[in-house]
Amino acid sequence: MAELIDAPVVFETTGDPPKRIEEFVGRIATATSAVSIARMTSPPGWGEVGQTPEFDEILLVLEGCLCLETRRGTLEARAGQALRAFAGEWMRCSTREGAVYVAICLPAFSPTTARRDA
């Protein structure tokens, strides 16, 4: 049966300065482990610690510019572009000018399976 997701679950996450996460589908919002879909609002100068997640991640940029650092180099995506990272690949996201983007994780994001650097 179809379902209306009236509003996301909102919280702040790691990074300096913190970013805003609005989870529409995922382990917290809908108790779904297959996929997570969240809108991220990252301020200028935001950066997170590196991670080697156990999930694939697609990052669809709606506004601004998102940087994705990997062991092979850094990619930048602007509004209307997307980045894709694969499970088991080390990555680190950051923004110089700030960004709004949608993160889609398969399977769903969890702090444990993100496998963040110490």
PDB file of N, CA and C in Angstrom:
ATOM      1  N   MET A   1       0.836  -1.181   0.000  1.00  0.00           N
ATOM      2  CA  MET A   1       0.000   0.000   0.000  1.00  0.00           C
ATOM      3  C   MET A   1       0.880   1.244   0.000  1.00  0.00           C
ATOM      4  N   ALA A   2       0.504   2.234  -0.756  1.00  0.00           N
ATOM      5  CA  ALA A   2       1.254   3.488  -0.812  1.00  0.00           C
ATOM      6  C   ALA A   2       1.223   4.181   0.540  1.00  0.00           C
ATOM      7  N   GLU A   3       2.227   5.017   0.764  1.00  0.00           N
ATOM      8  CA  GLU A   3       2.351   5.699   2.048  1.00  0.00           C
ATOM      9  C   GLU A   3       2.831   7.125   1.810  1.00  0.00           C
ATOM     10  N   LEU A   4       2.262   8.073   2.511  1.00  0.00           N
ATOM     11  CA  LEU A   4       2.718   9.455   2.490  1.00  0.00           C
ATOM     12  C   LEU A   4       3.720   9.640   3.620  1.00  0.00           C
ATOM     13  N   ILE A   5       4.869  10.149   3.289  1.00  0.00           N
ATOM     14  CA  ILE A   5       5.851  10.514   4.305  1.00  0.00           C
ATOM     15  C   ILE A   5       5.684  12.017   4.493  1.00  0.00           C
ATOM     16  N   ASP A   6       4.982  12.370   5.529  1.00  0.00           N
ATOM     17  CA  ASP A   6       4.554  13.747   5.756  1.00  0.00           C
ATOM     18  C   ASP A   6       5.710  14.702   6.030  1.00  0.00           C
ATOM     19  N   ALA A   7       6.707  14.225   6.746  1.00  0.00           N
ATOM     20  CA  ALA A   7       7.844  15.075   7.104  1.00  0.00           C
ATOM     21  C   ALA A   7       9.033  14.190   7.444  1.00  0.00           C
ATOM     22  N   PRO A   8      10.237  14.683   7.225  1.00  0.00           N
ATOM     23  CA  PRO A   8      11.419  13.894   7.553  1.00  0.00           C
ATOM     24  C   PRO A   8      11.747  13.948   9.042  1.00  0.00           C
ATOM     25  N   VAL A   9      12.601  13.032   9.467  1.00  0.00           N
ATOM     26  CA  VAL A   9      13.208  13.097  10.790  1.00  0.00           C
ATOM     27  C   VAL A   9      14.452  13.972  10.622  1.00  0.00           C
ATOM     28  N   VAL A  10      14.587  14.999  11.456  1.00  0.00           N
ATOM     29  CA  VAL A  10      15.656  15.987  11.308  1.00  0.00           C
ATOM     30  C   VAL A  10      16.667  15.852  12.439  1.00  0.00           C
ATOM     31  N   PHE A  11      17.952  15.880  12.084  1.00  0.00           N
ATOM     32  CA  PHE A  11      19.012  15.884  13.084  1.00  0.00           C
ATOM     33  C   PHE A  11      20.293  16.443  12.483  1.00  0.00           C
ATOM     34  N   GLU A  12      21.246  16.777  13.345  1.00  0.00           N
ATOM     35  CA  GLU A  12      22.558  17.226  12.910  1.00  0.00           C
ATOM     36  C   GLU A  12      23.521  16.063  13.054  1.00  0.00           C
ATOM     37  N   THR A  13      24.600  16.109  12.290  1.00  0.00           N
ATOM     38  CA  THR A  13      25.533  15.005  12.296  1.00  0.00           C
ATOM     39  C   THR A  13      26.955  15.489  12.488  1.00  0.00           C
ATOM     40  N   THR A  14      27.876  14.545  12.368  1.00  0.00           N
ATOM     41  CA  THR A  14      29.282  14.857  12.526  1.00  0.00           C
ATOM     42  C   THR A  14      29.744  15.820  11.457  1.00  0.00           C
ATOM     43  N   GLY A  15      30.846  16.450  11.720  1.00  0.00           N
ATOM     44  CA  GLY A  15      31.422  17.393  10.777  1.00  0.00           C
ATOM     45  C   GLY A  15      31.611  18.728  11.454  1.00  0.00           C
ATOM     46  N   ASP A  16      32.397  19.565  10.841  1.00  0.00           N
ATOM     47  CA  ASP A  16      32.707  20.858  11.420  1.00  0.00           C
ATOM     48  C   ASP A  16      32.646  21.908  10.335  1.00  0.00           C
ATOM     49  N   PRO A  17      31.679  22.825  10.363  1.00  0.00           N
ATOM     50  CA  PRO A  17      30.521  22.871  11.266  1.00  0.00           C
ATOM     51  C   PRO A  17      29.524  21.760  10.928  1.00  0.00           C
ATOM     52  N   PRO A  18      28.586  21.448  11.828  1.00  0.00           N
ATOM     53  CA  PRO A  18      27.640  20.356  11.570  1.00  0.00           C
ATOM     54  C   PRO A  18      26.717  20.647  10.389  1.00  0.00           C
ATOM     55  N   LYS A  19      26.254  19.579   9.764  1.00  0.00           N
ATOM     56  CA  LYS A  19      25.276  19.717   8.682  1.00  0.00           C
ATOM     57  C   LYS A  19      23.914  19.233   9.174  1.00  0.00           C
ATOM     58  N   ARG A  20      22.874  19.632   8.474  1.00  0.00           N
ATOM     59  CA  ARG A  20      21.499  19.241   8.806  1.00  0.00           C
ATOM     60  C   ARG A  20      21.109  18.064   7.917  1.00  0.00           C
ATOM     61  N   ILE A  21      20.542  17.044   8.535  1.00  0.00           N
ATOM     62  CA  ILE A  21      20.063  15.868   7.800  1.00  0.00           C
ATOM     63  C   ILE A  21      18.560  15.765   7.984  1.00  0.00           C
ATOM     64  N   GLU A  22      17.857  15.559   6.874  1.00  0.00           N
ATOM     65  CA  GLU A  22      16.415  15.339   6.896  1.00  0.00           C
ATOM     66  C   GLU A  22      16.176  13.969   6.253  1.00  0.00           C
ATOM     67  N   GLU A  23      16.010  12.955   7.083  1.00  0.00           N
ATOM     68  CA  GLU A  23      15.821  11.600   6.569  1.00  0.00           C
ATOM     69  C   GLU A  23      14.339  11.346   6.285  1.00  0.00           C
ATOM     70  N   PHE A  24      14.044  11.032   5.029  1.00  0.00           N
ATOM     71  CA  PHE A  24      12.680  10.708   4.611  1.00  0.00           C
ATOM     72  C   PHE A  24      12.429   9.210   4.671  1.00  0.00           C
ATOM     73  N   VAL A  25      13.419   8.436   4.265  1.00  0.00           N
ATOM     74  CA  VAL A  25      13.327   6.974   4.284  1.00  0.00           C
ATOM     75  C   VAL A  25      14.638   6.445   4.848  1.00  0.00           C
ATOM     76  N   GLY A  26      14.556   5.478   5.741  1.00  0.00           N
ATOM     77  CA  GLY A  26      15.762   4.896   6.308  1.00  0.00           C
ATOM     78  C   GLY A  26      15.501   4.232   7.636  1.00  0.00           C
ATOM     79  N   ARG A  27      16.571   3.877   8.289  1.00  0.00           N
ATOM     80  CA  ARG A  27      16.473   3.138   9.552  1.00  0.00           C
ATOM     81  C   ARG A  27      15.747   3.933  10.632  1.00  0.00           C
ATOM     82  N   ILE A  28      15.945   5.249  10.678  1.00  0.00           N
ATOM     83  CA  ILE A  28      15.312   6.069  11.721  1.00  0.00           C
ATOM     84  C   ILE A  28      13.899   6.477  11.329  1.00  0.00           C
ATOM     85  N   ALA A  29      13.734   7.026  10.130  1.00  0.00           N
ATOM     86  CA  ALA A  29      12.437   7.603   9.718  1.00  0.00           C
ATOM     87  C   ALA A  29      11.366   6.553   9.465  1.00  0.00           C
ATOM     88  N   THR A  30      11.730   5.448   8.823  1.00  0.00           N
ATOM     89  CA  THR A  30      10.708   4.474   8.421  1.00  0.00           C
ATOM     90  C   THR A  30      11.064   3.035   8.789  1.00  0.00           C
ATOM     91  N   ALA A  31      12.097   2.851   9.591  1.00  0.00           N
ATOM     92  CA  ALA A  31      12.559   1.513   9.988  1.00  0.00           C
ATOM     93  C   ALA A  31      12.850   0.637   8.764  1.00  0.00           C
ATOM     94  N   THR A  32      13.414   1.260   7.735  1.00  0.00           N
ATOM     95  CA  THR A  32      13.748   0.573   6.492  1.00  0.00           C
ATOM     96  C   THR A  32      15.250   0.343   6.435  1.00  0.00           C
ATOM     97  N   SER A  33      15.674  -0.884   6.196  1.00  0.00           N
ATOM     98  CA  SER A  33      17.109  -1.169   6.119  1.00  0.00           C
ATOM     99  C   SER A  33      17.604  -1.320   4.679  1.00  0.00           C
ATOM    100  N   ALA A  34      16.705  -1.381   3.706  1.00  0.00           N
ATOM    101  CA  ALA A  34      17.106  -1.605   2.317  1.00  0.00           C
ATOM    102  C   ALA A  34      17.686  -0.356   1.659  1.00  0.00           C
ATOM    103  N   VAL A  35      17.175   0.820   2.018  1.00  0.00           N
ATOM    104  CA  VAL A  35      17.604   2.062   1.386  1.00  0.00           C
ATOM    105  C   VAL A  35      17.378   3.225   2.358  1.00  0.00           C
ATOM    106  N   SER A  36      18.219   4.239   2.256  1.00  0.00           N
ATOM    107  CA  SER A  36      17.939   5.483   2.981  1.00  0.00           C
ATOM    108  C   SER A  36      17.998   6.631   1.983  1.00  0.00           C
ATOM    109  N   ILE A  37      17.104   7.589   2.182  1.00  0.00           N
ATOM    110  CA  ILE A  37      17.031   8.782   1.332  1.00  0.00           C
ATOM    111  C   ILE A  37      16.917   9.978   2.273  1.00  0.00           C
ATOM    112  N   ALA A  38      17.879  10.890   2.146  1.00  0.00           N
ATOM    113  CA  ALA A  38      17.904  12.044   3.042  1.00  0.00           C
ATOM    114  C   ALA A  38      18.365  13.284   2.296  1.00  0.00           C
ATOM    115  N   ARG A  39      17.787  14.428   2.677  1.00  0.00           N
ATOM    116  CA  ARG A  39      18.252  15.713   2.151  1.00  0.00           C
ATOM    117  C   ARG A  39      19.266  16.263   3.145  1.00  0.00           C
ATOM    118  N   MET A  40      20.421  16.642   2.633  1.00  0.00           N
ATOM    119  CA  MET A  40      21.511  17.167   3.449  1.00  0.00           C
ATOM    120  C   MET A  40      21.697  18.649   3.147  1.00  0.00           C
ATOM    121  N   THR A  41      21.878  19.439   4.181  1.00  0.00           N
ATOM    122  CA  THR A  41      22.208  20.851   4.017  1.00  0.00           C
ATOM    123  C   THR A  41      23.528  21.080   4.727  1.00  0.00           C
ATOM    124  N   SER A  42      24.571  21.292   3.930  1.00  0.00           N
ATOM    125  CA  SER A  42      25.922  21.449   4.470  1.00  0.00           C
ATOM    126  C   SER A  42      26.361  22.891   4.319  1.00  0.00           C
ATOM    127  N   PRO A  43      26.795  23.534   5.408  1.00  0.00           N
ATOM    128  CA  PRO A  43      27.212  24.933   5.348  1.00  0.00           C
ATOM    129  C   PRO A  43      28.575  25.089   4.676  1.00  0.00           C
ATOM    130  N   PRO A  44      28.914  26.300   4.283  1.00  0.00           N
ATOM    131  CA  PRO A  44      30.251  26.537   3.729  1.00  0.00           C
ATOM    132  C   PRO A  44      31.328  26.084   4.709  1.00  0.00           C
ATOM    133  N   GLY A  45      32.360  25.446   4.187  1.00  0.00           N
ATOM    134  CA  GLY A  45      33.468  24.997   5.024  1.00  0.00           C
ATOM    135  C   GLY A  45      33.226  23.699   5.764  1.00  0.00           C
ATOM    136  N   TRP A  46      32.093  23.038   5.506  1.00  0.00           N
ATOM    137  CA  TRP A  46      31.788  21.777   6.192  1.00  0.00           C
ATOM    138  C   TRP A  46      32.681  20.658   5.661  1.00  0.00           C
ATOM    139  N   GLY A  47      33.044  19.756   6.539  1.00  0.00           N
ATOM    140  CA  GLY A  47      33.777  18.563   6.160  1.00  0.00           C
ATOM    141  C   GLY A  47      33.517  17.467   7.165  1.00  0.00           C
ATOM    142  N   GLU A  48      33.506  16.235   6.696  1.00  0.00           N
ATOM    143  CA  GLU A  48      33.302  15.099   7.590  1.00  0.00           C
ATOM    144  C   GLU A  48      34.576  14.282   7.649  1.00  0.00           C
ATOM    145  N   VAL A  49      34.649  13.381   8.610  1.00  0.00           N
ATOM    146  CA  VAL A  49      35.791  12.475   8.679  1.00  0.00           C
ATOM    147  C   VAL A  49      35.652  11.457   7.552  1.00  0.00           C
ATOM    148  N   GLY A  50      36.751  10.877   7.155  1.00  0.00           N
ATOM    149  CA  GLY A  50      36.712   9.856   6.128  1.00  0.00           C
ATOM    150  C   GLY A  50      35.978   8.623   6.619  1.00  0.00           C
ATOM    151  N   GLN A  51      35.505   7.824   5.673  1.00  0.00           N
ATOM    152  CA  GLN A  51      34.805   6.586   6.014  1.00  0.00           C
ATOM    153  C   GLN A  51      34.972   5.578   4.886  1.00  0.00           C
ATOM    154  N   THR A  52      34.790   4.318   5.228  1.00  0.00           N
ATOM    155  CA  THR A  52      34.800   3.235   4.251  1.00  0.00           C
ATOM    156  C   THR A  52      33.492   2.475   4.438  1.00  0.00           C
ATOM    157  N   PRO A  53      32.393   3.000   3.891  1.00  0.00           N
ATOM    158  CA  PRO A  53      31.072   2.454   4.182  1.00  0.00           C
ATOM    159  C   PRO A  53      30.823   1.068   3.577  1.00  0.00           C
ATOM    160  N   GLU A  54      29.885   0.379   4.181  1.00  0.00           N
ATOM    161  CA  GLU A  54      29.450  -0.931   3.700  1.00  0.00           C
ATOM    162  C   GLU A  54      28.237  -0.791   2.784  1.00  0.00           C
ATOM    163  N   PHE A  55      27.982   0.413   2.278  1.00  0.00           N
ATOM    164  CA  PHE A  55      26.836   0.666   1.398  1.00  0.00           C
ATOM    165  C   PHE A  55      27.292   1.519   0.226  1.00  0.00           C
ATOM    166  N   ASP A  56      26.589   1.398  -0.901  1.00  0.00           N
ATOM    167  CA  ASP A  56      26.784   2.306  -2.023  1.00  0.00           C
ATOM    168  C   ASP A  56      26.079   3.610  -1.685  1.00  0.00           C
ATOM    169  N   GLU A  57      26.610   4.727  -2.194  1.00  0.00           N
ATOM    170  CA  GLU A  57      25.991   6.019  -1.914  1.00  0.00           C
ATOM    171  C   GLU A  57      25.946   6.860  -3.182  1.00  0.00           C
ATOM    172  N   ILE A  58      24.781   7.399  -3.465  1.00  0.00           N
ATOM    173  CA  ILE A  58      24.573   8.312  -4.584  1.00  0.00           C
ATOM    174  C   ILE A  58      24.246   9.668  -3.979  1.00  0.00           C
ATOM    175  N   LEU A  59      24.946  10.707  -4.425  1.00  0.00           N
ATOM    176  CA  LEU A  59      24.796  12.054  -3.885  1.00  0.00           C
ATOM    177  C   LEU A  59      24.344  12.978  -5.008  1.00  0.00           C
ATOM    178  N   LEU A  60      23.080  13.373  -4.989  1.00  0.00           N
ATOM    179  CA  LEU A  60      22.478  14.218  -6.019  1.00  0.00           C
ATOM    180  C   LEU A  60      22.479  15.666  -5.530  1.00  0.00           C
ATOM    181  N   VAL A  61      23.257  16.518  -6.179  1.00  0.00           N
ATOM    182  CA  VAL A  61      23.425  17.893  -5.726  1.00  0.00           C
ATOM    183  C   VAL A  61      22.281  18.763  -6.260  1.00  0.00           C
ATOM    184  N   LEU A  62      21.580  19.428  -5.342  1.00  0.00           N
ATOM    185  CA  LEU A  62      20.472  20.322  -5.691  1.00  0.00           C
ATOM    186  C   LEU A  62      20.924  21.777  -5.756  1.00  0.00           C
ATOM    187  N   GLU A  63      21.820  22.168  -4.850  1.00  0.00           N
ATOM    188  CA  GLU A  63      22.334  23.540  -4.793  1.00  0.00           C
ATOM    189  C   GLU A  63      23.794  23.492  -4.362  1.00  0.00           C
ATOM    190  N   GLY A  64      24.586  24.458  -4.822  1.00  0.00           N
ATOM    191  CA  GLY A  64      25.967  24.576  -4.382  1.00  0.00           C
ATOM    192  C   GLY A  64      26.888  23.565  -5.043  1.00  0.00           C
ATOM    193  N   CYS A  65      27.928  23.187  -4.317  1.00  0.00           N
ATOM    194  CA  CYS A  65      28.950  22.283  -4.839  1.00  0.00           C
ATOM    195  C   CYS A  65      29.392  21.328  -3.738  1.00  0.00           C
ATOM    196  N   LEU A  66      29.421  20.042  -4.044  1.00  0.00           N
ATOM    197  CA  LEU A  66      29.827  19.001  -3.099  1.00  0.00           C
ATOM    198  C   LEU A  66      31.117  18.366  -3.599  1.00  0.00           C
ATOM    199  N   CYS A  67      32.093  18.215  -2.712  1.00  0.00           N
ATOM    200  CA  CYS A  67      33.367  17.576  -3.040  1.00  0.00           C
ATOM    201  C   CYS A  67      33.384  16.170  -2.453  1.00  0.00           C
ATOM    202  N   LEU A  68      33.853  15.216  -3.228  1.00  0.00           N
ATOM    203  CA  LEU A  68      33.986  13.831  -2.786  1.00  0.00           C
ATOM    204  C   LEU A  68      35.436  13.419  -2.990  1.00  0.00           C
ATOM    205  N   GLU A  69      36.145  13.247  -1.890  1.00  0.00           N
ATOM    206  CA  GLU A  69      37.540  12.829  -1.927  1.00  0.00           C
ATOM    207  C   GLU A  69      37.597  11.310  -1.811  1.00  0.00           C
ATOM    208  N   THR A  70      38.381  10.674  -2.676  1.00  0.00           N
ATOM    209  CA  THR A  70      38.613   9.225  -2.616  1.00  0.00           C
ATOM    210  C   THR A  70      40.125   9.002  -2.667  1.00  0.00           C
ATOM    211  N   ARG A  71      40.547   7.767  -2.587  1.00  0.00           N
ATOM    212  CA  ARG A  71      41.982   7.452  -2.674  1.00  0.00           C
ATOM    213  C   ARG A  71      42.537   7.772  -4.061  1.00  0.00           C
ATOM    214  N   ARG A  72      41.673   7.861  -5.062  1.00  0.00           N
ATOM    215  CA  ARG A  72      42.102   8.127  -6.439  1.00  0.00           C
ATOM    216  C   ARG A  72      42.066   9.605  -6.817  1.00  0.00           C
ATOM    217  N   GLY A  73      41.497  10.450  -5.948  1.00  0.00           N
ATOM    218  CA  GLY A  73      41.411  11.870  -6.249  1.00  0.00           C
ATOM    219  C   GLY A  73      40.118  12.465  -5.724  1.00  0.00           C
ATOM    220  N   THR A  74      39.871  13.709  -6.091  1.00  0.00           N
ATOM    221  CA  THR A  74      38.692  14.435  -5.629  1.00  0.00           C
ATOM    222  C   THR A  74      37.791  14.774  -6.806  1.00  0.00           C
ATOM    223  N   LEU A  75      36.500  14.537  -6.619  1.00  0.00           N
ATOM    224  CA  LEU A  75      35.486  14.884  -7.610  1.00  0.00           C
ATOM    225  C   LEU A  75      34.621  15.998  -7.048  1.00  0.00           C
ATOM    226  N   GLU A  76      34.144  16.885  -7.908  1.00  0.00           N
ATOM    227  CA  GLU A  76      33.221  17.934  -7.498  1.00  0.00           C
ATOM    228  C   GLU A  76      31.956  17.840  -8.332  1.00  0.00           C
ATOM    229  N   ALA A  77      30.825  18.007  -7.669  1.00  0.00           N
ATOM    230  CA  ALA A  77      29.540  18.014  -8.371  1.00  0.00           C
ATOM    231  C   ALA A  77      28.792  19.280  -7.998  1.00  0.00           C
ATOM    232  N   ARG A  78      28.201  19.901  -8.992  1.00  0.00           N
ATOM    233  CA  ARG A  78      27.383  21.109  -8.807  1.00  0.00           C
ATOM    234  C   ARG A  78      25.914  20.756  -9.016  1.00  0.00           C
ATOM    235  N   ALA A  79      25.041  21.717  -8.776  1.00  0.00           N
ATOM    236  CA  ALA A  79      23.598  21.505  -8.919  1.00  0.00           C
ATOM    237  C   ALA A  79      23.284  20.838 -10.251  1.00  0.00           C
ATOM    238  N   GLY A  80      22.485  19.777 -10.191  1.00  0.00           N
ATOM    239  CA  GLY A  80      22.111  19.036 -11.387  1.00  0.00           C
ATOM    240  C   GLY A  80      23.044  17.885 -11.700  1.00  0.00           C
ATOM    241  N   GLN A  81      24.096  17.709 -10.900  1.00  0.00           N
ATOM    242  CA  GLN A  81      25.026  16.599 -11.088  1.00  0.00           C
ATOM    243  C   GLN A  81      24.960  15.675  -9.880  1.00  0.00           C
ATOM    244  N   ALA A  82      25.534  14.483 -10.025  1.00  0.00           N
ATOM    245  CA  ALA A  82      25.544  13.518  -8.933  1.00  0.00           C
ATOM    246  C   ALA A  82      26.911  12.856  -8.829  1.00  0.00           C
ATOM    247  N   LEU A  83      27.188  12.355  -7.657  1.00  0.00           N
ATOM    248  CA  LEU A  83      28.392  11.578  -7.383  1.00  0.00           C
ATOM    249  C   LEU A  83      27.955  10.195  -6.943  1.00  0.00           C
ATOM    250  N   ARG A  84      28.775   9.197  -7.239  1.00  0.00           N
ATOM    251  CA  ARG A  84      28.447   7.834  -6.834  1.00  0.00           C
ATOM    252  C   ARG A  84      29.693   7.202  -6.228  1.00  0.00           C
ATOM    253  N   ALA A  85      29.550   6.677  -5.016  1.00  0.00           N
ATOM    254  CA  ALA A  85      30.639   5.978  -4.331  1.00  0.00           C
ATOM    255  C   ALA A  85      30.170   4.562  -4.032  1.00  0.00           C
ATOM    256  N   PHE A  86      31.112   3.644  -4.029  1.00  0.00           N
ATOM    257  CA  PHE A  86      30.776   2.234  -3.877  1.00  0.00           C
ATOM    258  C   PHE A  86      31.192   1.695  -2.518  1.00  0.00           C
ATOM    259  N   ALA A  87      30.450   0.728  -2.028  1.00  0.00           N
ATOM    260  CA  ALA A  87      30.753   0.065  -0.760  1.00  0.00           C
ATOM    261  C   ALA A  87      32.203  -0.402  -0.768  1.00  0.00           C
ATOM    262  N   GLY A  88      32.872  -0.201   0.364  1.00  0.00           N
ATOM    263  CA  GLY A  88      34.251  -0.636   0.504  1.00  0.00           C
ATOM    264  C   GLY A  88      35.283   0.359   0.004  1.00  0.00           C
ATOM    265  N   GLU A  89      34.834   1.485  -0.563  1.00  0.00           N
ATOM    266  CA  GLU A  89      35.732   2.514  -1.070  1.00  0.00           C
ATOM    267  C   GLU A  89      35.835   3.638  -0.036  1.00  0.00           C
ATOM    268  N   TRP A  90      37.070   4.012   0.346  1.00  0.00           N
ATOM    269  CA  TRP A  90      37.251   5.108   1.283  1.00  0.00           C
ATOM    270  C   TRP A  90      36.800   6.411   0.622  1.00  0.00           C
ATOM    271  N   MET A  91      36.119   7.257   1.393  1.00  0.00           N
ATOM    272  CA  MET A  91      35.610   8.519   0.872  1.00  0.00           C
ATOM    273  C   MET A  91      35.508   9.555   1.973  1.00  0.00           C
ATOM    274  N   ARG A  92      35.478  10.806   1.567  1.00  0.00           N
ATOM    275  CA  ARG A  92      35.290  11.916   2.497  1.00  0.00           C
ATOM    276  C   ARG A  92      34.604  13.035   1.740  1.00  0.00           C
ATOM    277  N   CYS A  93      33.476  13.550   2.277  1.00  0.00           N
ATOM    278  CA  CYS A  93      32.729  14.636   1.644  1.00  0.00           C
ATOM    279  C   CYS A  93      33.032  15.959   2.336  1.00  0.00           C
ATOM    280  N   SER A  94      32.961  17.048   1.546  1.00  0.00           N
ATOM    281  CA  SER A  94      33.151  18.385   2.095  1.00  0.00           C
ATOM    282  C   SER A  94      32.503  19.401   1.157  1.00  0.00           C
ATOM    283  N   THR A  95      32.336  20.625   1.672  1.00  0.00           N
ATOM    284  CA  THR A  95      31.816  21.721   0.858  1.00  0.00           C
ATOM    285  C   THR A  95      32.635  22.966   1.153  1.00  0.00           C
ATOM    286  N   ARG A  96      33.023  23.680   0.102  1.00  0.00           N
ATOM    287  CA  ARG A  96      33.699  24.962   0.293  1.00  0.00           C
ATOM    288  C   ARG A  96      32.673  26.072   0.409  1.00  0.00           C
ATOM    289  N   GLU A  97      31.671  26.034  -0.469  1.00  0.00           N
ATOM    290  CA  GLU A  97      30.677  27.112  -0.519  1.00  0.00           C
ATOM    291  C   GLU A  97      29.329  26.712   0.056  1.00  0.00           C
ATOM    292  N   GLY A  98      29.212  25.486   0.522  1.00  0.00           N
ATOM    293  CA  GLY A  98      27.945  24.976   1.016  1.00  0.00           C
ATOM    294  C   GLY A  98      27.209  24.215  -0.079  1.00  0.00           C
ATOM    295  N   ALA A  99      26.316  23.331   0.325  1.00  0.00           N
ATOM    296  CA  ALA A  99      25.566  22.538  -0.644  1.00  0.00           C
ATOM    297  C   ALA A  99      24.304  21.979  -0.012  1.00  0.00           C
ATOM    298  N   VAL A 100      23.309  21.777  -0.861  1.00  0.00           N
ATOM    299  CA  VAL A 100      22.115  21.021  -0.509  1.00  0.00           C
ATOM    300  C   VAL A 100      22.099  19.848  -1.472  1.00  0.00           C
ATOM    301  N   TYR A 101      21.992  18.632  -0.927  1.00  0.00           N
ATOM    302  CA  TYR A 101      22.031  17.447  -1.774  1.00  0.00           C
ATOM    303  C   TYR A 101      21.208  16.328  -1.160  1.00  0.00           C
ATOM    304  N   VAL A 102      20.865  15.368  -1.996  1.00  0.00           N
ATOM    305  CA  VAL A 102      20.126  14.194  -1.556  1.00  0.00           C
ATOM    306  C   VAL A 102      21.096  13.024  -1.523  1.00  0.00           C
ATOM    307  N   ALA A 103      21.161  12.346  -0.383  1.00  0.00           N
ATOM    308  CA  ALA A 103      21.997  11.158  -0.235  1.00  0.00           C
ATOM    309  C   ALA A 103      21.100   9.926  -0.265  1.00  0.00           C
ATOM    310  N   ILE A 104      21.431   9.002  -1.148  1.00  0.00           N
ATOM    311  CA  ILE A 104      20.704   7.742  -1.266  1.00  0.00           C
ATOM    312  C   ILE A 104      21.713   6.638  -0.964  1.00  0.00           C
ATOM    313  N   CYS A 105      21.445   5.850   0.065  1.00  0.00           N
ATOM    314  CA  CYS A 105      22.361   4.785   0.475  1.00  0.00           C
ATOM    315  C   CYS A 105      21.681   3.430   0.302  1.00  0.00           C
ATOM    316  N   LEU A 106      22.420   2.488  -0.293  1.00  0.00           N
ATOM    317  CA  LEU A 106      21.935   1.128  -0.544  1.00  0.00           C
ATOM    318  C   LEU A 106      22.947   0.117  -0.016  1.00  0.00           C
ATOM    319  N   PRO A 107      22.658  -0.663   1.019  1.00  0.00           N
ATOM    320  CA  PRO A 107      21.493  -0.581   1.891  1.00  0.00           C
ATOM    321  C   PRO A 107      21.535   0.699   2.716  1.00  0.00           C
ATOM    322  N   ALA A 108      20.554   0.862   3.576  1.00  0.00           N
ATOM    323  CA  ALA A 108      20.385   2.107   4.328  1.00  0.00           C
ATOM    324  C   ALA A 108      21.597   2.439   5.184  1.00  0.00           C
ATOM    325  N   PHE A 109      21.843   3.739   5.324  1.00  0.00           N
ATOM    326  CA  PHE A 109      22.909   4.252   6.185  1.00  0.00           C
ATOM    327  C   PHE A 109      22.696   3.815   7.622  1.00  0.00           C
ATOM    328  N   SER A 110      23.788   3.533   8.305  1.00  0.00           N
ATOM    329  CA  SER A 110      23.794   3.404   9.760  1.00  0.00           C
ATOM    330  C   SER A 110      25.184   3.833  10.227  1.00  0.00           C
ATOM    331  N   PRO A 111      25.300   4.393  11.423  1.00  0.00           N
ATOM    332  CA  PRO A 111      26.616   4.802  11.919  1.00  0.00           C
ATOM    333  C   PRO A 111      27.608   3.629  11.962  1.00  0.00           C
ATOM    334  N   THR A 112      27.125   2.449  12.274  1.00  0.00           N
ATOM    335  CA  THR A 112      27.996   1.278  12.348  1.00  0.00           C
ATOM    336  C   THR A 112      28.542   0.889  10.983  1.00  0.00           C
ATOM    337  N   THR A 113      27.675   0.872   9.958  1.00  0.00           N
ATOM    338  CA  THR A 113      28.118   0.443   8.627  1.00  0.00           C
ATOM    339  C   THR A 113      28.803   1.550   7.851  1.00  0.00           C
ATOM    340  N   ALA A 114      28.808   2.793   8.382  1.00  0.00           N
ATOM    341  CA  ALA A 114      29.564   3.875   7.733  1.00  0.00           C
ATOM    342  C   ALA A 114      31.061   3.651   7.911  1.00  0.00           C
ATOM    343  N   ARG A 115      31.439   2.982   8.974  1.00  0.00           N
ATOM    344  CA  ARG A 115      32.853   2.667   9.259  1.00  0.00           C
ATOM    345  C   ARG A 115      33.730   3.910   9.128  1.00  0.00           C
ATOM    346  N   ARG A 116      33.421   4.905   9.981  1.00  0.00           N
ATOM    347  CA  ARG A 116      34.153   6.167   9.980  1.00  0.00           C
ATOM    348  C   ARG A 116      35.573   5.989  10.521  1.00  0.00           C
ATOM    349  N   ASP A 117      36.500   6.816  10.015  1.00  0.00           N
ATOM    350  CA  ASP A 117      37.864   6.818  10.511  1.00  0.00           C
ATOM    351  C   ASP A 117      37.882   7.245  11.970  1.00  0.00           C
ATOM    352  N   ALA A 118      38.886   6.799  12.682  1.00  0.00           N
ATOM    353  CA  ALA A 118      39.020   7.151  14.106  1.00  0.00           C
ATOM    354  C   ALA A 118      39.363   8.613  14.275  1.00  0.00           C
TER     355      ALA A 118
END
